[in-house]
Amino acid sequence: MSLDIFMSTLARAFSYVLPIVGVIALIYLILFLKQLIETLKQVSKTLDTANDQLKKLDAPLKTAENISTTVDEVNQSAKDAFVSVMSSLSENGQNAKDWFQNKKNAKESIETKEDEWHGR
């Protein structure tokens, strides 16, 4: 019977203690939720500030992008110009070579004719 009395006393003690523990837990839960809401508000403000700072960076980043595009275009133009110059030099070099060859052949032809003329 002492076990029955002990269990009865324990049940009565817990019937007094459990509501108090429940109220304390509810108070902690309310404080936790309040702190969570305040933290979320601060996070929202921080995100808004970060968004504003990113918007401020849009103009310089756009300028950098434009400069990069311009540099790429200048680089491509320089490549195209170099290829054009090399092509022209190659073509004109061949023309100059042909011209010199023709002059040389013409001079040899004149010398041959003079030799033939003086030789007669």
N, C-alpha and C. Protein backbone atom coordinates (compact mmCIF):
# COMPACT_ATOMS: atom_id res chain seq x y z
N MET A 1 0.78 -1.19 0.00
CA MET A 1 0.00 0.00 0.00
C MET A 1 0.83 1.28 0.00
N SER A 2 1.98 1.21 0.48
CA SER A 2 2.82 2.39 0.50
C SER A 2 3.14 2.86 -0.92
N LEU A 3 3.20 1.92 -1.86
CA LEU A 3 3.42 2.28 -3.25
C LEU A 3 2.22 3.04 -3.79
N ASP A 4 1.02 2.63 -3.41
CA ASP A 4 -0.18 3.33 -3.86
C ASP A 4 -0.22 4.75 -3.29
N ILE A 5 0.18 4.90 -2.06
CA ILE A 5 0.19 6.23 -1.43
C ILE A 5 1.25 7.12 -2.10
N PHE A 6 2.41 6.51 -2.37
CA PHE A 6 3.49 7.25 -3.03
C PHE A 6 3.04 7.73 -4.42
N MET A 7 2.40 6.86 -5.18
CA MET A 7 1.93 7.22 -6.51
C MET A 7 0.85 8.29 -6.43
N SER A 8 -0.01 8.19 -5.46
CA SER A 8 -1.07 9.17 -5.29
C SER A 8 -0.47 10.53 -4.93
N THR A 9 0.49 10.55 -4.04
CA THR A 9 1.15 11.79 -3.65
C THR A 9 1.91 12.39 -4.84
N LEU A 10 2.56 11.53 -5.57
CA LEU A 10 3.31 11.97 -6.75
C LEU A 10 2.37 12.54 -7.81
N ALA A 11 1.23 11.92 -8.00
CA ALA A 11 0.25 12.41 -8.98
C ALA A 11 -0.28 13.77 -8.55
N ARG A 12 -0.56 13.93 -7.27
CA ARG A 12 -1.06 15.20 -6.78
C ARG A 12 0.01 16.30 -6.91
N ALA A 13 1.27 15.99 -6.63
CA ALA A 13 2.35 16.96 -6.74
C ALA A 13 2.52 17.39 -8.20
N PHE A 14 2.48 16.41 -9.10
CA PHE A 14 2.62 16.75 -10.52
C PHE A 14 1.41 17.51 -11.03
N SER A 15 0.26 17.29 -10.45
CA SER A 15 -0.91 18.05 -10.88
C SER A 15 -0.77 19.52 -10.51
N TYR A 16 0.04 19.83 -9.49
CA TYR A 16 0.31 21.22 -9.15
C TYR A 16 1.49 21.77 -9.97
N VAL A 17 2.50 20.96 -10.19
CA VAL A 17 3.73 21.41 -10.83
C VAL A 17 3.58 21.53 -12.35
N LEU A 18 2.88 20.60 -12.98
CA LEU A 18 2.79 20.61 -14.44
C LEU A 18 2.16 21.87 -15.01
N PRO A 19 1.10 22.40 -14.45
CA PRO A 19 0.59 23.65 -15.01
C PRO A 19 1.59 24.81 -14.88
N ILE A 20 2.33 24.83 -13.78
CA ILE A 20 3.34 25.88 -13.61
C ILE A 20 4.45 25.72 -14.65
N VAL A 21 4.92 24.49 -14.86
CA VAL A 21 5.95 24.23 -15.87
C VAL A 21 5.41 24.57 -17.26
N GLY A 22 4.14 24.26 -17.52
CA GLY A 22 3.53 24.59 -18.80
C GLY A 22 3.50 26.09 -19.05
N VAL A 23 3.15 26.87 -18.01
CA VAL A 23 3.12 28.34 -18.12
C VAL A 23 4.53 28.86 -18.38
N ILE A 24 5.52 28.33 -17.67
CA ILE A 24 6.91 28.76 -17.87
C ILE A 24 7.35 28.43 -19.31
N ALA A 25 7.02 27.25 -19.77
CA ALA A 25 7.39 26.87 -21.14
C ALA A 25 6.68 27.77 -22.16
N LEU A 26 5.43 28.11 -21.91
CA LEU A 26 4.70 29.00 -22.79
C LEU A 26 5.32 30.39 -22.82
N ILE A 27 5.77 30.87 -21.65
CA ILE A 27 6.43 32.18 -21.59
C ILE A 27 7.73 32.15 -22.40
N TYR A 28 8.53 31.10 -22.23
CA TYR A 28 9.76 30.98 -23.02
C TYR A 28 9.47 30.88 -24.52
N LEU A 29 8.42 30.19 -24.87
CA LEU A 29 8.04 30.08 -26.28
C LEU A 29 7.65 31.45 -26.83
N ILE A 30 6.90 32.22 -26.07
CA ILE A 30 6.51 33.56 -26.50
C ILE A 30 7.74 34.46 -26.65
N LEU A 31 8.67 34.41 -25.69
CA LEU A 31 9.89 35.21 -25.78
C LEU A 31 10.74 34.79 -26.99
N PHE A 32 10.81 33.48 -27.24
CA PHE A 32 11.55 32.98 -28.39
C PHE A 32 10.94 33.48 -29.69
N LEU A 33 9.62 33.41 -29.80
CA LEU A 33 8.95 33.87 -31.01
C LEU A 33 9.13 35.38 -31.20
N LYS A 34 9.07 36.14 -30.09
CA LYS A 34 9.29 37.58 -30.18
C LYS A 34 10.70 37.88 -30.70
N GLN A 35 11.69 37.19 -30.16
CA GLN A 35 13.08 37.38 -30.60
C GLN A 35 13.23 36.96 -32.07
N LEU A 36 12.56 35.90 -32.45
CA LEU A 36 12.62 35.43 -33.84
C LEU A 36 12.02 36.47 -34.78
N ILE A 37 10.92 37.07 -34.40
CA ILE A 37 10.28 38.11 -35.23
C ILE A 37 11.20 39.32 -35.36
N GLU A 38 11.83 39.75 -34.26
CA GLU A 38 12.75 40.88 -34.31
C GLU A 38 13.97 40.57 -35.19
N THR A 39 14.46 39.37 -35.09
CA THR A 39 15.59 38.96 -35.92
C THR A 39 15.20 38.97 -37.40
N LEU A 40 14.03 38.47 -37.71
CA LEU A 40 13.57 38.47 -39.10
C LEU A 40 13.39 39.89 -39.63
N LYS A 41 12.95 40.82 -38.77
CA LYS A 41 12.84 42.21 -39.19
C LYS A 41 14.23 42.78 -39.49
N GLN A 42 15.21 42.46 -38.65
CA GLN A 42 16.58 42.93 -38.89
C GLN A 42 17.15 42.32 -40.16
N VAL A 43 16.85 41.06 -40.39
CA VAL A 43 17.33 40.42 -41.62
C VAL A 43 16.70 41.10 -42.83
N SER A 44 15.42 41.44 -42.72
CA SER A 44 14.74 42.11 -43.82
C SER A 44 15.38 43.48 -44.09
N LYS A 45 15.70 44.22 -43.02
CA LYS A 45 16.37 45.51 -43.19
C LYS A 45 17.75 45.34 -43.80
N THR A 46 18.46 44.32 -43.35
CA THR A 46 19.80 44.06 -43.89
C THR A 46 19.71 43.71 -45.37
N LEU A 47 18.75 42.89 -45.74
CA LEU A 47 18.58 42.53 -47.15
C LEU A 47 18.21 43.75 -47.99
N ASP A 48 17.37 44.63 -47.44
CA ASP A 48 17.02 45.86 -48.17
C ASP A 48 18.25 46.74 -48.37
N THR A 49 19.07 46.86 -47.32
CA THR A 49 20.30 47.65 -47.42
C THR A 49 21.25 47.03 -48.45
N ALA A 50 21.39 45.72 -48.41
CA ALA A 50 22.26 45.04 -49.40
C ALA A 50 21.73 45.24 -50.81
N ASN A 51 20.43 45.18 -50.97
CA ASN A 51 19.82 45.39 -52.28
C ASN A 51 20.09 46.82 -52.78
N ASP A 52 19.98 47.80 -51.89
CA ASP A 52 20.28 49.19 -52.26
C ASP A 52 21.74 49.33 -52.68
N GLN A 53 22.64 48.70 -51.94
CA GLN A 53 24.07 48.77 -52.28
C GLN A 53 24.34 48.10 -53.63
N LEU A 54 23.66 47.00 -53.90
CA LEU A 54 23.83 46.33 -55.19
C LEU A 54 23.30 47.19 -56.33
N LYS A 55 22.21 47.91 -56.07
CA LYS A 55 21.69 48.81 -57.11
C LYS A 55 22.70 49.93 -57.39
N LYS A 56 23.38 50.39 -56.35
CA LYS A 56 24.40 51.43 -56.54
C LYS A 56 25.57 50.90 -57.38
N LEU A 57 25.83 49.61 -57.29
CA LEU A 57 26.94 49.02 -58.06
C LEU A 57 26.57 48.75 -59.51
N ASP A 58 25.29 48.80 -59.84
CA ASP A 58 24.86 48.50 -61.21
C ASP A 58 25.51 49.44 -62.23
N ALA A 59 25.55 50.73 -61.94
CA ALA A 59 26.11 51.70 -62.89
C ALA A 59 27.60 51.46 -63.14
N PRO A 60 28.44 51.32 -62.08
CA PRO A 60 29.86 51.04 -62.35
C PRO A 60 30.07 49.70 -63.05
N LEU A 61 29.26 48.70 -62.71
CA LEU A 61 29.41 47.41 -63.37
C LEU A 61 29.01 47.50 -64.84
N LYS A 62 28.00 48.30 -65.14
CA LYS A 62 27.59 48.49 -66.53
C LYS A 62 28.71 49.20 -67.29
N THR A 63 29.34 50.19 -66.65
CA THR A 63 30.47 50.88 -67.28
C THR A 63 31.61 49.90 -67.55
N ALA A 64 31.91 49.06 -66.58
CA ALA A 64 32.98 48.07 -66.76
C ALA A 64 32.63 47.11 -67.89
N GLU A 65 31.38 46.74 -67.97
CA GLU A 65 30.94 45.85 -69.05
C GLU A 65 31.09 46.54 -70.41
N ASN A 66 30.73 47.81 -70.48
CA ASN A 66 30.89 48.56 -71.73
C ASN A 66 32.36 48.68 -72.12
N ILE A 67 33.21 48.95 -71.13
CA ILE A 67 34.65 49.05 -71.41
C ILE A 67 35.17 47.70 -71.92
N SER A 68 34.74 46.64 -71.29
CA SER A 68 35.17 45.30 -71.72
C SER A 68 34.73 45.03 -73.15
N THR A 69 33.50 45.41 -73.48
CA THR A 69 33.01 45.22 -74.84
C THR A 69 33.84 46.05 -75.82
N THR A 70 34.14 47.29 -75.45
CA THR A 70 34.95 48.15 -76.32
C THR A 70 36.34 47.57 -76.52
N VAL A 71 36.95 47.07 -75.46
CA VAL A 71 38.27 46.46 -75.57
C VAL A 71 38.22 45.24 -76.49
N ASP A 72 37.17 44.44 -76.36
CA ASP A 72 37.01 43.28 -77.25
C ASP A 72 36.87 43.72 -78.70
N GLU A 73 36.11 44.78 -78.94
CA GLU A 73 35.93 45.28 -80.31
C GLU A 73 37.24 45.83 -80.88
N VAL A 74 37.99 46.56 -80.05
CA VAL A 74 39.29 47.09 -80.50
C VAL A 74 40.24 45.94 -80.80
N ASN A 75 40.24 44.93 -79.96
CA ASN A 75 41.09 43.76 -80.17
C ASN A 75 40.73 43.07 -81.48
N GLN A 76 39.44 42.90 -81.72
CA GLN A 76 39.01 42.25 -82.96
C GLN A 76 39.37 43.12 -84.17
N SER A 77 39.21 44.43 -84.06
CA SER A 77 39.59 45.33 -85.15
C SER A 77 41.09 45.26 -85.43
N ALA A 78 41.88 45.19 -84.37
CA ALA A 78 43.34 45.10 -84.54
C ALA A 78 43.70 43.79 -85.24
N LYS A 79 43.04 42.71 -84.85
CA LYS A 79 43.29 41.42 -85.51
C LYS A 79 42.93 41.50 -86.99
N ASP A 80 41.76 42.06 -87.27
CA ASP A 80 41.31 42.19 -88.66
C ASP A 80 42.27 43.06 -89.46
N ALA A 81 42.74 44.16 -88.87
CA ALA A 81 43.67 45.05 -89.56
C ALA A 81 44.99 44.33 -89.83
N PHE A 82 45.47 43.58 -88.87
CA PHE A 82 46.72 42.85 -89.04
C PHE A 82 46.60 41.82 -90.16
N VAL A 83 45.50 41.08 -90.17
CA VAL A 83 45.28 40.10 -91.22
C VAL A 83 45.19 40.79 -92.58
N SER A 84 44.53 41.94 -92.62
CA SER A 84 44.41 42.70 -93.87
C SER A 84 45.78 43.18 -94.35
N VAL A 85 46.59 43.71 -93.43
CA VAL A 85 47.92 44.19 -93.79
C VAL A 85 48.78 43.03 -94.28
N MET A 86 48.73 41.92 -93.58
CA MET A 86 49.53 40.77 -94.00
C MET A 86 49.09 40.25 -95.36
N SER A 87 47.79 40.24 -95.59
CA SER A 87 47.27 39.81 -96.88
C SER A 87 47.73 40.75 -97.98
N SER A 88 47.64 42.06 -97.72
CA SER A 88 48.09 43.05 -98.71
C SER A 88 49.58 42.94 -98.97
N LEU A 89 50.37 42.76 -97.90
CA LEU A 89 51.81 42.62 -98.07
C LEU A 89 52.14 41.37 -98.88
N SER A 90 51.44 40.31 -98.62
CA SER A 90 51.68 39.08 -99.36
C SER A 90 51.36 39.27 -100.83
N GLU A 91 50.21 39.87 -101.08
CA GLU A 91 49.79 40.10 -102.47
C GLU A 91 50.72 41.09 -103.16
N ASN A 92 51.01 42.21 -102.50
CA ASN A 92 51.89 43.22 -103.08
C ASN A 92 53.33 42.72 -103.19
N GLY A 93 53.74 41.89 -102.25
CA GLY A 93 55.07 41.30 -102.34
C GLY A 93 55.19 40.45 -103.60
N GLN A 94 54.17 39.68 -103.87
CA GLN A 94 54.18 38.87 -105.09
C GLN A 94 54.19 39.78 -106.32
N ASN A 95 53.41 40.85 -106.30
CA ASN A 95 53.39 41.81 -107.42
C ASN A 95 54.76 42.46 -107.60
N ALA A 96 55.40 42.85 -106.50
CA ALA A 96 56.73 43.47 -106.57
C ALA A 96 57.74 42.47 -107.12
N LYS A 97 57.63 41.23 -106.66
CA LYS A 97 58.54 40.19 -107.15
C LYS A 97 58.37 40.00 -108.66
N ASP A 98 57.11 39.95 -109.10
CA ASP A 98 56.83 39.80 -110.53
C ASP A 98 57.36 41.01 -111.32
N TRP A 99 57.20 42.22 -110.76
CA TRP A 99 57.65 43.43 -111.43
C TRP A 99 59.17 43.41 -111.59
N PHE A 100 59.89 43.06 -110.48
CA PHE A 100 61.34 42.98 -110.55
C PHE A 100 61.79 41.90 -111.53
N GLN A 101 61.06 40.79 -111.52
CA GLN A 101 61.39 39.70 -112.44
C GLN A 101 61.21 40.17 -113.88
N ASN A 102 60.12 40.90 -114.13
CA ASN A 102 59.88 41.43 -115.47
C ASN A 102 60.97 42.41 -115.87
N LYS A 103 61.37 43.30 -114.96
CA LYS A 103 62.44 44.26 -115.24
C LYS A 103 63.75 43.53 -115.53
N LYS A 104 64.02 42.51 -114.75
CA LYS A 104 65.25 41.74 -114.95
C LYS A 104 65.22 41.05 -116.31
N ASN A 105 64.07 40.45 -116.62
CA ASN A 105 63.93 39.77 -117.91
C ASN A 105 64.03 40.76 -119.06
N ALA A 106 63.44 41.95 -118.86
CA ALA A 106 63.50 42.97 -119.92
C ALA A 106 64.94 43.43 -120.12
N LYS A 107 65.69 43.63 -119.03
CA LYS A 107 67.08 44.06 -119.12
C LYS A 107 67.91 42.98 -119.81
N GLU A 108 67.68 41.73 -119.43
CA GLU A 108 68.40 40.62 -120.07
C GLU A 108 68.06 40.54 -121.54
N SER A 109 66.80 40.80 -121.84
CA SER A 109 66.36 40.76 -123.24
C SER A 109 67.04 41.86 -124.03
N ILE A 110 67.16 43.07 -123.44
CA ILE A 110 67.82 44.20 -124.12
C ILE A 110 69.30 43.87 -124.30
N GLU A 111 69.95 43.34 -123.27
CA GLU A 111 71.36 42.99 -123.37
C GLU A 111 71.57 41.92 -124.44
N THR A 112 70.67 40.97 -124.52
CA THR A 112 70.78 39.92 -125.53
C THR A 112 70.63 40.51 -126.91
N LYS A 113 69.68 41.43 -127.06
CA LYS A 113 69.48 42.06 -128.36
C LYS A 113 70.68 42.91 -128.72
N GLU A 114 71.29 43.62 -127.75
CA GLU A 114 72.47 44.42 -128.02
C GLU A 114 73.63 43.54 -128.41
N ASP A 115 73.75 42.40 -127.71
CA ASP A 115 74.82 41.47 -128.05
C ASP A 115 74.62 40.93 -129.46
N GLU A 116 73.40 40.67 -129.78
CA GLU A 116 73.11 40.18 -131.13
C GLU A 116 73.36 41.27 -132.13
N TRP A 117 73.05 42.48 -131.85
CA TRP A 117 73.21 43.62 -132.75
C TRP A 117 74.67 43.93 -132.96
N HIS A 118 75.46 43.94 -131.85
CA HIS A 118 76.89 44.22 -131.94
C HIS A 118 77.63 43.04 -132.51
N GLY A 119 77.09 41.89 -132.33
CA GLY A 119 77.74 40.70 -132.81
C GLY A 119 77.61 40.54 -134.30
N ARG A 120 76.69 41.15 -134.97
CA ARG A 120 76.50 41.03 -136.40
C ARG A 120 77.46 41.80 -137.12
